[in-house]
PDB file of N, CA and C in Angstrom:
ATOM      1  N   MET A   1     -28.539  16.248  14.619  1.00  0.00           N
ATOM      2  CA  MET A   1     -27.641  15.482  15.222  1.00  0.00           C
ATOM      3  C   MET A   1     -26.845  16.199  16.138  1.00  0.00           C
ATOM      4  N   PRO A   2     -26.610  15.663  17.358  1.00  0.00           N
ATOM      5  CA  PRO A   2     -25.767  16.425  18.408  1.00  0.00           C
ATOM      6  C   PRO A   2     -24.314  16.400  17.975  1.00  0.00           C
ATOM      7  N   VAL A   3     -23.636  17.534  18.346  1.00  0.00           N
ATOM      8  CA  VAL A   3     -22.248  17.734  18.074  1.00  0.00           C
ATOM      9  C   VAL A   3     -21.512  17.079  19.235  1.00  0.00           C
ATOM     10  N   ILE A   4     -20.504  16.342  18.909  1.00  0.00           N
ATOM     11  CA  ILE A   4     -19.624  15.713  19.927  1.00  0.00           C
ATOM     12  C   ILE A   4     -18.458  16.689  20.194  1.00  0.00           C
ATOM     13  N   GLU A   5     -18.342  17.173  21.351  1.00  0.00           N
ATOM     14  CA  GLU A   5     -17.304  18.086  21.725  1.00  0.00           C
ATOM     15  C   GLU A   5     -16.075  17.342  22.221  1.00  0.00           C
ATOM     16  N   SER A   6     -14.868  17.714  21.777  1.00  0.00           N
ATOM     17  CA  SER A   6     -13.688  17.160  22.194  1.00  0.00           C
ATOM     18  C   SER A   6     -13.140  17.871  23.467  1.00  0.00           C
ATOM     19  N   LYS A   7     -12.528  17.118  24.271  1.00  0.00           N
ATOM     20  CA  LYS A   7     -11.813  17.692  25.414  1.00  0.00           C
ATOM     21  C   LYS A   7     -10.309  17.586  25.293  1.00  0.00           C
ATOM     22  N   LEU A   8      -9.850  17.246  24.056  1.00  0.00           N
ATOM     23  CA  LEU A   8      -8.511  17.099  23.766  1.00  0.00           C
ATOM     24  C   LEU A   8      -7.820  18.372  23.792  1.00  0.00           C
ATOM     25  N   ASP A   9      -6.671  18.555  24.368  1.00  0.00           N
ATOM     26  CA  ASP A   9      -5.832  19.749  24.387  1.00  0.00           C
ATOM     27  C   ASP A   9      -4.684  19.512  23.467  1.00  0.00           C
ATOM     28  N   THR A  10      -4.750  20.115  22.298  1.00  0.00           N
ATOM     29  CA  THR A  10      -3.703  19.956  21.212  1.00  0.00           C
ATOM     30  C   THR A  10      -2.431  20.677  21.691  1.00  0.00           C
ATOM     31  N   ARG A  11      -2.460  21.485  22.667  1.00  0.00           N
ATOM     32  CA  ARG A  11      -1.293  22.186  23.207  1.00  0.00           C
ATOM     33  C   ARG A  11      -0.567  21.439  24.320  1.00  0.00           C
ATOM     34  N   ASP A  12      -1.129  20.271  24.789  1.00  0.00           N
ATOM     35  CA  ASP A  12      -0.603  19.481  25.834  1.00  0.00           C
ATOM     36  C   ASP A  12       0.689  18.762  25.443  1.00  0.00           C
ATOM     37  N   ALA A  13       1.645  18.607  26.327  1.00  0.00           N
ATOM     38  CA  ALA A  13       2.892  17.947  25.968  1.00  0.00           C
ATOM     39  C   ALA A  13       2.643  16.519  25.618  1.00  0.00           C
ATOM     40  N   THR A  14       1.705  15.867  26.242  1.00  0.00           N
ATOM     41  CA  THR A  14       1.388  14.449  25.857  1.00  0.00           C
ATOM     42  C   THR A  14       0.886  14.333  24.464  1.00  0.00           C
ATOM     43  N   PHE A  15       0.015  15.328  24.078  1.00  0.00           N
ATOM     44  CA  PHE A  15      -0.533  15.263  22.727  1.00  0.00           C
ATOM     45  C   PHE A  15       0.663  15.450  21.707  1.00  0.00           C
ATOM     46  N   ALA A  16       1.565  16.386  22.006  1.00  0.00           N
ATOM     47  CA  ALA A  16       2.644  16.692  21.064  1.00  0.00           C
ATOM     48  C   ALA A  16       3.538  15.406  20.987  1.00  0.00           C
ATOM     49  N   ALA A  17       3.892  14.796  22.082  1.00  0.00           N
ATOM     50  CA  ALA A  17       4.681  13.592  22.069  1.00  0.00           C
ATOM     51  C   ALA A  17       4.006  12.387  21.259  1.00  0.00           C
ATOM     52  N   ASN A  18       2.724  12.294  21.459  1.00  0.00           N
ATOM     53  CA  ASN A  18       1.989  11.295  20.682  1.00  0.00           C
ATOM     54  C   ASN A  18       1.995  11.573  19.209  1.00  0.00           C
ATOM     55  N   ARG A  19       1.817  12.839  18.822  1.00  0.00           N
ATOM     56  CA  ARG A  19       1.892  13.224  17.456  1.00  0.00           C
ATOM     57  C   ARG A  19       3.196  12.913  16.822  1.00  0.00           C
ATOM     58  N   VAL A  20       4.324  13.162  17.542  1.00  0.00           N
ATOM     59  CA  VAL A  20       5.695  12.846  16.999  1.00  0.00           C
ATOM     60  C   VAL A  20       5.764  11.310  16.838  1.00  0.00           C
ATOM     61  N   ALA A  21       5.349  10.570  17.808  1.00  0.00           N
ATOM     62  CA  ALA A  21       5.401   9.132  17.830  1.00  0.00           C
ATOM     63  C   ALA A  21       4.659   8.599  16.693  1.00  0.00           C
ATOM     64  N   MET A  22       3.419   9.138  16.478  1.00  0.00           N
ATOM     65  CA  MET A  22       2.514   8.615  15.398  1.00  0.00           C
ATOM     66  C   MET A  22       3.196   8.988  14.013  1.00  0.00           C
ATOM     67  N   ALA A  23       3.738  10.161  13.947  1.00  0.00           N
ATOM     68  CA  ALA A  23       4.306  10.575  12.671  1.00  0.00           C
ATOM     69  C   ALA A  23       5.505   9.536  12.359  1.00  0.00           C
ATOM     70  N   ALA A  24       6.268   9.181  13.270  1.00  0.00           N
ATOM     71  CA  ALA A  24       7.313   8.235  13.071  1.00  0.00           C
ATOM     72  C   ALA A  24       6.829   6.844  12.583  1.00  0.00           C
ATOM     73  N   LEU A  25       5.739   6.434  13.243  1.00  0.00           N
ATOM     74  CA  LEU A  25       5.164   5.098  12.820  1.00  0.00           C
ATOM     75  C   LEU A  25       4.522   5.238  11.463  1.00  0.00           C
ATOM     76  N   VAL A  26       3.897   6.307  11.085  1.00  0.00           N
ATOM     77  CA  VAL A  26       3.309   6.459   9.728  1.00  0.00           C
ATOM     78  C   VAL A  26       4.502   6.517   8.680  1.00  0.00           C
ATOM     79  N   ALA A  27       5.568   7.189   8.970  1.00  0.00           N
ATOM     80  CA  ALA A  27       6.696   7.226   8.073  1.00  0.00           C
ATOM     81  C   ALA A  27       7.291   5.853   7.885  1.00  0.00           C
ATOM     82  N   ASP A  28       7.352   5.096   8.935  1.00  0.00           N
ATOM     83  CA  ASP A  28       7.943   3.726   8.858  1.00  0.00           C
ATOM     84  C   ASP A  28       6.981   2.808   8.020  1.00  0.00           C
ATOM     85  N   LEU A  29       5.670   2.971   8.234  1.00  0.00           N
ATOM     86  CA  LEU A  29       4.717   2.154   7.502  1.00  0.00           C
ATOM     87  C   LEU A  29       4.804   2.515   6.041  1.00  0.00           C
ATOM     88  N   ARG A  30       4.902   3.770   5.683  1.00  0.00           N
ATOM     89  CA  ARG A  30       5.001   4.189   4.244  1.00  0.00           C
ATOM     90  C   ARG A  30       6.230   3.602   3.637  1.00  0.00           C
ATOM     91  N   ALA A  31       7.333   3.665   4.365  1.00  0.00           N
ATOM     92  CA  ALA A  31       8.596   3.123   3.844  1.00  0.00           C
ATOM     93  C   ALA A  31       8.505   1.593   3.620  1.00  0.00           C
ATOM     94  N   THR A  32       7.849   0.927   4.501  1.00  0.00           N
ATOM     95  CA  THR A  32       7.701  -0.543   4.412  1.00  0.00           C
ATOM     96  C   THR A  32       6.855  -0.840   3.222  1.00  0.00           C
ATOM     97  N   ILE A  33       5.711  -0.102   3.030  1.00  0.00           N
ATOM     98  CA  ILE A  33       4.820  -0.398   1.869  1.00  0.00           C
ATOM     99  C   ILE A  33       5.571  -0.068   0.595  1.00  0.00           C
ATOM    100  N   ALA A  34       6.390   1.001   0.564  1.00  0.00           N
ATOM    101  CA  ALA A  34       7.053   1.294  -0.686  1.00  0.00           C
ATOM    102  C   ALA A  34       8.135   0.180  -1.048  1.00  0.00           C
ATOM    103  N   ALA A  35       8.721  -0.391  -0.009  1.00  0.00           N
ATOM    104  CA  ALA A  35       9.627  -1.514  -0.240  1.00  0.00           C
ATOM    105  C   ALA A  35       8.912  -2.711  -0.781  1.00  0.00           C
ATOM    106  N   ILE A  36       7.770  -3.025  -0.205  1.00  0.00           N
ATOM    107  CA  ILE A  36       6.913  -4.151  -0.668  1.00  0.00           C
ATOM    108  C   ILE A  36       6.520  -3.943  -2.111  1.00  0.00           C
ATOM    109  N   GLU A  37       6.139  -2.689  -2.447  1.00  0.00           N
ATOM    110  CA  GLU A  37       5.660  -2.462  -3.793  1.00  0.00           C
ATOM    111  C   GLU A  37       6.759  -2.612  -4.789  1.00  0.00           C
ATOM    112  N   GLU A  38       8.042  -2.707  -4.448  1.00  0.00           N
ATOM    113  CA  GLU A  38       9.134  -3.017  -5.288  1.00  0.00           C
ATOM    114  C   GLU A  38       8.989  -4.488  -5.763  1.00  0.00           C
ATOM    115  N   GLY A  39       8.216  -5.300  -5.069  1.00  0.00           N
ATOM    116  CA  GLY A  39       7.901  -6.640  -5.557  1.00  0.00           C
ATOM    117  C   GLY A  39       9.044  -7.633  -5.485  1.00  0.00           C
ATOM    118  N   GLY A  40       9.911  -7.525  -4.538  1.00  0.00           N
ATOM    119  CA  GLY A  40      11.044  -8.490  -4.425  1.00  0.00           C
ATOM    120  C   GLY A  40      12.337  -7.910  -4.873  1.00  0.00           C
ATOM    121  N   GLY A  41      12.437  -6.667  -5.127  1.00  0.00           N
ATOM    122  CA  GLY A  41      13.745  -6.061  -5.454  1.00  0.00           C
ATOM    123  C   GLY A  41      13.912  -5.907  -6.912  1.00  0.00           C
ATOM    124  N   ALA A  42      14.945  -5.089  -7.209  1.00  0.00           N
ATOM    125  CA  ALA A  42      15.252  -4.675  -8.593  1.00  0.00           C
ATOM    126  C   ALA A  42      15.503  -5.926  -9.515  1.00  0.00           C
ATOM    127  N   ALA A  43      16.319  -6.834  -9.012  1.00  0.00           N
ATOM    128  CA  ALA A  43      16.745  -8.047  -9.759  1.00  0.00           C
ATOM    129  C   ALA A  43      15.463  -8.802 -10.114  1.00  0.00           C
ATOM    130  N   ALA A  44      14.550  -8.979  -9.244  1.00  0.00           N
ATOM    131  CA  ALA A  44      13.359  -9.817  -9.486  1.00  0.00           C
ATOM    132  C   ALA A  44      12.501  -9.122 -10.503  1.00  0.00           C
ATOM    133  N   ARG A  45      12.384  -7.793 -10.292  1.00  0.00           N
ATOM    134  CA  ARG A  45      11.567  -6.988 -11.320  1.00  0.00           C
ATOM    135  C   ARG A  45      12.157  -7.037 -12.664  1.00  0.00           C
ATOM    136  N   GLU A  46      13.459  -6.931 -12.874  1.00  0.00           N
ATOM    137  CA  GLU A  46      14.120  -6.899 -14.165  1.00  0.00           C
ATOM    138  C   GLU A  46      13.939  -8.365 -14.856  1.00  0.00           C
ATOM    139  N   LYS A  47      14.014  -9.371 -14.014  1.00  0.00           N
ATOM    140  CA  LYS A  47      13.906 -10.769 -14.580  1.00  0.00           C
ATOM    141  C   LYS A  47      12.523 -10.884 -15.118  1.00  0.00           C
ATOM    142  N   HIS A  48      11.516 -10.404 -14.384  1.00  0.00           N
ATOM    143  CA  HIS A  48      10.080 -10.531 -14.747  1.00  0.00           C
ATOM    144  C   HIS A  48       9.825  -9.786 -16.056  1.00  0.00           C
ATOM    145  N   VAL A  49      10.378  -8.569 -16.101  1.00  0.00           N
ATOM    146  CA  VAL A  49      10.049  -7.649 -17.244  1.00  0.00           C
ATOM    147  C   VAL A  49      10.824  -8.201 -18.472  1.00  0.00           C
ATOM    148  N   ALA A  50      12.033  -8.843 -18.240  1.00  0.00           N
ATOM    149  CA  ALA A  50      12.853  -9.379 -19.386  1.00  0.00           C
ATOM    150  C   ALA A  50      12.121 -10.515 -20.049  1.00  0.00           C
ATOM    151  N   ARG A  51      11.284 -11.061 -19.268  1.00  0.00           N
ATOM    152  CA  ARG A  51      10.423 -12.209 -19.887  1.00  0.00           C
ATOM    153  C   ARG A  51       9.179 -11.735 -20.673  1.00  0.00           C
ATOM    154  N   GLY A  52       9.111 -10.422 -20.660  1.00  0.00           N
ATOM    155  CA  GLY A  52       7.998  -9.852 -21.420  1.00  0.00           C
ATOM    156  C   GLY A  52       6.635  -9.843 -20.555  1.00  0.00           C
ATOM    157  N   LYS A  53       6.792  -9.855 -19.276  1.00  0.00           N
ATOM    158  CA  LYS A  53       5.649  -9.947 -18.381  1.00  0.00           C
ATOM    159  C   LYS A  53       5.421  -8.610 -17.720  1.00  0.00           C
ATOM    160  N   LEU A  54       4.167  -8.263 -17.501  1.00  0.00           N
ATOM    161  CA  LEU A  54       3.864  -7.068 -16.706  1.00  0.00           C
ATOM    162  C   LEU A  54       3.910  -7.447 -15.220  1.00  0.00           C
ATOM    163  N   LEU A  55       4.408  -6.485 -14.475  1.00  0.00           N
ATOM    164  CA  LEU A  55       4.457  -6.660 -13.001  1.00  0.00           C
ATOM    165  C   LEU A  55       2.941  -6.667 -12.460  1.00  0.00           C
ATOM    166  N   PRO A  56       2.698  -7.288 -11.381  1.00  0.00           N
ATOM    167  CA  PRO A  56       1.342  -7.408 -10.870  1.00  0.00           C
ATOM    168  C   PRO A  56       0.611  -6.134 -10.755  1.00  0.00           C
ATOM    169  N   ARG A  57       1.214  -5.071 -10.187  1.00  0.00           N
ATOM    170  CA  ARG A  57       0.510  -3.853 -10.086  1.00  0.00           C
ATOM    171  C   ARG A  57       0.267  -3.192 -11.387  1.00  0.00           C
ATOM    172  N   ASP A  58       1.181  -3.354 -12.302  1.00  0.00           N
ATOM    173  CA  ASP A  58       1.013  -2.876 -13.733  1.00  0.00           C
ATOM    174  C   ASP A  58      -0.148  -3.573 -14.359  1.00  0.00           C
ATOM    175  N   ARG A  59      -0.271  -4.885 -14.168  1.00  0.00           N
ATOM    176  CA  ARG A  59      -1.446  -5.569 -14.763  1.00  0.00           C
ATOM    177  C   ARG A  59      -2.771  -5.030 -14.200  1.00  0.00           C
ATOM    178  N   VAL A  60      -2.746  -4.835 -12.910  1.00  0.00           N
ATOM    179  CA  VAL A  60      -3.961  -4.254 -12.272  1.00  0.00           C
ATOM    180  C   VAL A  60      -4.293  -2.826 -12.931  1.00  0.00           C
ATOM    181  N   ARG A  61      -3.278  -2.018 -12.969  1.00  0.00           N
ATOM    182  CA  ARG A  61      -3.455  -0.658 -13.558  1.00  0.00           C
ATOM    183  C   ARG A  61      -3.967  -0.701 -14.907  1.00  0.00           C
ATOM    184  N   ALA A  62      -3.535  -1.743 -15.709  1.00  0.00           N
ATOM    185  CA  ALA A  62      -3.999  -1.847 -17.123  1.00  0.00           C
ATOM    186  C   ALA A  62      -5.513  -2.292 -17.193  1.00  0.00           C
ATOM    187  N   LEU A  63      -5.984  -2.943 -16.163  1.00  0.00           N
ATOM    188  CA  LEU A  63      -7.359  -3.371 -16.154  1.00  0.00           C
ATOM    189  C   LEU A  63      -8.341  -2.333 -15.674  1.00  0.00           C
ATOM    190  N   ILE A  64      -7.931  -1.460 -14.775  1.00  0.00           N
ATOM    191  CA  ILE A  64      -8.957  -0.560 -14.204  1.00  0.00           C
ATOM    192  C   ILE A  64      -9.015   0.728 -15.099  1.00  0.00           C
ATOM    193  N   ASP A  65     -10.124   1.413 -15.050  1.00  0.00           N
ATOM    194  CA  ASP A  65     -10.320   2.554 -15.829  1.00  0.00           C
ATOM    195  C   ASP A  65      -9.385   3.703 -15.303  1.00  0.00           C
ATOM    196  N   PRO A  66      -8.740   4.462 -16.330  1.00  0.00           N
ATOM    197  CA  PRO A  66      -7.896   5.621 -15.836  1.00  0.00           C
ATOM    198  C   PRO A  66      -8.678   6.602 -14.959  1.00  0.00           C
ATOM    199  N   GLY A  67      -8.082   6.944 -13.890  1.00  0.00           N
ATOM    200  CA  GLY A  67      -8.657   7.897 -12.926  1.00  0.00           C
ATOM    201  C   GLY A  67      -9.620   7.256 -11.980  1.00  0.00           C
ATOM    202  N   SER A  68      -9.890   6.020 -12.060  1.00  0.00           N
ATOM    203  CA  SER A  68     -10.818   5.367 -11.155  1.00  0.00           C
ATOM    204  C   SER A  68     -10.102   5.092  -9.798  1.00  0.00           C
ATOM    205  N   PRO A  69     -10.813   5.138  -8.755  1.00  0.00           N
ATOM    206  CA  PRO A  69     -10.202   4.877  -7.404  1.00  0.00           C
ATOM    207  C   PRO A  69      -9.582   3.428  -7.372  1.00  0.00           C
ATOM    208  N   PHE A  70      -8.478   3.324  -6.735  1.00  0.00           N
ATOM    209  CA  PHE A  70      -7.826   2.019  -6.689  1.00  0.00           C
ATOM    210  C   PHE A  70      -7.388   1.800  -5.167  1.00  0.00           C
ATOM    211  N   LEU A  71      -7.738   0.650  -4.669  1.00  0.00           N
ATOM    212  CA  LEU A  71      -7.356   0.399  -3.208  1.00  0.00           C
ATOM    213  C   LEU A  71      -6.745  -0.983  -3.182  1.00  0.00           C
ATOM    214  N   GLU A  72      -5.365  -0.965  -2.855  1.00  0.00           N
ATOM    215  CA  GLU A  72      -4.642  -2.307  -2.743  1.00  0.00           C
ATOM    216  C   GLU A  72      -4.871  -2.792  -1.326  1.00  0.00           C
ATOM    217  N   LEU A  73      -5.172  -3.979  -1.078  1.00  0.00           N
ATOM    218  CA  LEU A  73      -5.356  -4.585   0.197  1.00  0.00           C
ATOM    219  C   LEU A  73      -4.221  -5.549   0.440  1.00  0.00           C
ATOM    220  N   SER A  74      -3.896  -5.723   1.700  1.00  0.00           N
ATOM    221  CA  SER A  74      -2.981  -6.811   2.164  1.00  0.00           C
ATOM    222  C   SER A  74      -1.544  -6.616   1.745  1.00  0.00           C
ATOM    223  N   GLN A  75      -1.042  -5.415   1.610  1.00  0.00           N
ATOM    224  CA  GLN A  75       0.345  -5.226   1.293  1.00  0.00           C
ATOM    225  C   GLN A  75       1.295  -5.806   2.320  1.00  0.00           C
ATOM    226  N   LEU A  76       0.757  -5.891   3.631  1.00  0.00           N
ATOM    227  CA  LEU A  76       1.562  -6.393   4.641  1.00  0.00           C
ATOM    228  C   LEU A  76       1.371  -7.842   4.961  1.00  0.00           C
ATOM    229  N   ALA A  77       0.674  -8.545   4.059  1.00  0.00           N
ATOM    230  CA  ALA A  77       0.515 -10.000   4.241  1.00  0.00           C
ATOM    231  C   ALA A  77       1.879 -10.689   4.323  1.00  0.00           C
ATOM    232  N   ALA A  78       2.109 -11.529   5.256  1.00  0.00           N
ATOM    233  CA  ALA A  78       3.388 -12.295   5.476  1.00  0.00           C
ATOM    234  C   ALA A  78       4.597 -11.302   5.693  1.00  0.00           C
ATOM    235  N   HIS A  79       4.362 -10.081   5.962  1.00  0.00           N
ATOM    236  CA  HIS A  79       5.548  -9.165   6.301  1.00  0.00           C
ATOM    237  C   HIS A  79       6.161  -9.688   7.532  1.00  0.00           C
ATOM    238  N   GLY A  80       7.452  -9.733   7.484  1.00  0.00           N
ATOM    239  CA  GLY A  80       8.186 -10.187   8.597  1.00  0.00           C
ATOM    240  C   GLY A  80       8.326 -11.738   8.818  1.00  0.00           C
ATOM    241  N   MET A  81       7.770 -12.427   7.786  1.00  0.00           N
ATOM    242  CA  MET A  81       7.824 -13.861   7.740  1.00  0.00           C
ATOM    243  C   MET A  81       8.644 -14.413   6.600  1.00  0.00           C
ATOM    244  N   TYR A  82       9.142 -15.572   6.692  1.00  0.00           N
ATOM    245  CA  TYR A  82       9.903 -16.210   5.612  1.00  0.00           C
ATOM    246  C   TYR A  82      11.081 -15.347   5.099  1.00  0.00           C
ATOM    247  N   GLY A  83      11.645 -14.682   6.047  1.00  0.00           N
ATOM    248  CA  GLY A  83      12.806 -13.926   5.600  1.00  0.00           C
ATOM    249  C   GLY A  83      12.440 -12.684   4.801  1.00  0.00           C
ATOM    250  N   ASP A  84      11.278 -12.310   4.711  1.00  0.00           N
ATOM    251  CA  ASP A  84      10.703 -11.216   3.895  1.00  0.00           C
ATOM    252  C   ASP A  84      11.079 -11.368   2.431  1.00  0.00           C
ATOM    253  N   THR A  85      11.047 -12.630   2.004  1.00  0.00           N
ATOM    254  CA  THR A  85      11.340 -12.976   0.600  1.00  0.00           C
ATOM    255  C   THR A  85      10.149 -13.054  -0.330  1.00  0.00           C
ATOM    256  N   ILE A  86       8.913 -12.934   0.321  1.00  0.00           N
ATOM    257  CA  ILE A  86       7.713 -13.051  -0.471  1.00  0.00           C
ATOM    258  C   ILE A  86       6.942 -11.755  -0.243  1.00  0.00           C
ATOM    259  N   ALA A  87       7.095 -10.786  -1.170  1.00  0.00           N
ATOM    260  CA  ALA A  87       6.430  -9.481  -1.023  1.00  0.00           C
ATOM    261  C   ALA A  87       4.949  -9.719  -1.072  1.00  0.00           C
ATOM    262  N   ALA A  88       4.226  -9.092  -0.142  1.00  0.00           N
ATOM    263  CA  ALA A  88       2.743  -9.164   0.020  1.00  0.00           C
ATOM    264  C   ALA A  88       2.205 -10.660  -0.141  1.00  0.00           C
ATOM    265  N   ALA A  89       3.050 -11.580   0.408  1.00  0.00           N
ATOM    266  CA  ALA A  89       2.632 -13.006   0.356  1.00  0.00           C
ATOM    267  C   ALA A  89       2.365 -13.490  -1.006  1.00  0.00           C
ATOM    268  N   GLY A  90       2.906 -12.848  -2.051  1.00  0.00           N
ATOM    269  CA  GLY A  90       2.776 -13.311  -3.352  1.00  0.00           C
ATOM    270  C   GLY A  90       1.409 -13.086  -3.932  1.00  0.00           C
ATOM    271  N   SER A  91       0.597 -12.231  -3.270  1.00  0.00           N
ATOM    272  CA  SER A  91      -0.765 -11.917  -3.711  1.00  0.00           C
ATOM    273  C   SER A  91      -0.925 -10.351  -3.846  1.00  0.00           C
ATOM    274  N   SER A  92      -1.827  -9.984  -4.574  1.00  0.00           N
ATOM    275  CA  SER A  92      -2.103  -8.602  -4.707  1.00  0.00           C
ATOM    276  C   SER A  92      -3.573  -8.270  -4.789  1.00  0.00           C
ATOM    277  N   PRO A  93      -4.381  -8.608  -3.782  1.00  0.00           N
ATOM    278  CA  PRO A  93      -5.802  -8.242  -3.796  1.00  0.00           C
ATOM    279  C   PRO A  93      -6.054  -6.809  -3.874  1.00  0.00           C
ATOM    280  N   ALA A  94      -6.902  -6.365  -4.663  1.00  0.00           N
ATOM    281  CA  ALA A  94      -7.197  -4.913  -4.886  1.00  0.00           C
ATOM    282  C   ALA A  94      -8.607  -4.748  -5.275  1.00  0.00           C
ATOM    283  N   SER A  95      -8.999  -3.505  -5.230  1.00  0.00           N
ATOM    284  CA  SER A  95     -10.329  -3.028  -5.674  1.00  0.00           C
ATOM    285  C   SER A  95     -10.057  -1.846  -6.548  1.00  0.00           C
ATOM    286  N   GLY A  96     -10.704  -1.807  -7.742  1.00  0.00           N
ATOM    287  CA  GLY A  96     -10.711  -0.680  -8.584  1.00  0.00           C
ATOM    288  C   GLY A  96     -11.845  -0.682  -9.513  1.00  0.00           C
ATOM    289  N   GLY A  97     -12.157   0.385 -10.136  1.00  0.00           N
ATOM    290  CA  GLY A  97     -13.311   0.394 -11.071  1.00  0.00           C
ATOM    291  C   GLY A  97     -13.000   0.171 -12.529  1.00  0.00           C
ATOM    292  N   CYS A  98     -13.857  -0.489 -13.197  1.00  0.00           N
ATOM    293  CA  CYS A  98     -13.684  -0.707 -14.617  1.00  0.00           C
ATOM    294  C   CYS A  98     -15.059  -0.965 -15.237  1.00  0.00           C
ATOM    295  N   ARG A  99     -15.186  -0.592 -16.505  1.00  0.00           N
ATOM    296  CA  ARG A  99     -16.470  -0.847 -17.189  1.00  0.00           C
ATOM    297  C   ARG A  99     -16.200  -1.926 -18.199  1.00  0.00           C
ATOM    298  N   ALA A 100     -17.284  -2.630 -18.503  1.00  0.00           N
ATOM    299  CA  ALA A 100     -17.190  -3.654 -19.490  1.00  0.00           C
ATOM    300  C   ALA A 100     -16.950  -3.034 -20.897  1.00  0.00           C
ATOM    301  N   ALA A 101     -16.006  -3.629 -21.596  1.00  0.00           N
ATOM    302  CA  ALA A 101     -15.732  -3.165 -22.959  1.00  0.00           C
ATOM    303  C   ALA A 101     -16.831  -3.356 -23.949  1.00  0.00           C
ATOM    304  N   SER A 102     -17.177  -2.521 -24.798  1.00  0.00           N
ATOM    305  CA  SER A 102     -18.260  -2.735 -25.741  1.00  0.00           C
ATOM    306  C   SER A 102     -17.609  -3.522 -26.950  1.00  0.00           C
ATOM    307  N   ALA A 103     -18.538  -4.360 -27.480  1.00  0.00           N
ATOM    308  CA  ALA A 103     -17.997  -5.203 -28.636  1.00  0.00           C
ATOM    309  C   ALA A 103     -17.960  -4.483 -29.951  1.00  0.00           C
TER     310      ALA A 103
END
């Protein structure tokens, strides 16, 4: 297979500016996802747990095998809509590994 050679100059000022801008965007994205993972704020979480219920991500973690890969999809669904009152649009599609329990 032929090797693809890059002509990108990582010492160029444009590259450095783009790297800084991308790092800021990634930090903002991570902060937004962390806020979404709070699931509506501390009060909503406490109310849910006080009812004896597991939080959605905790339910998923209980279902998948320990150490198996886990990929949460659509954390940003409905982000910026409805006054940001519905974390992840009230859904938590995900993919993770689990084995069938033996009887």
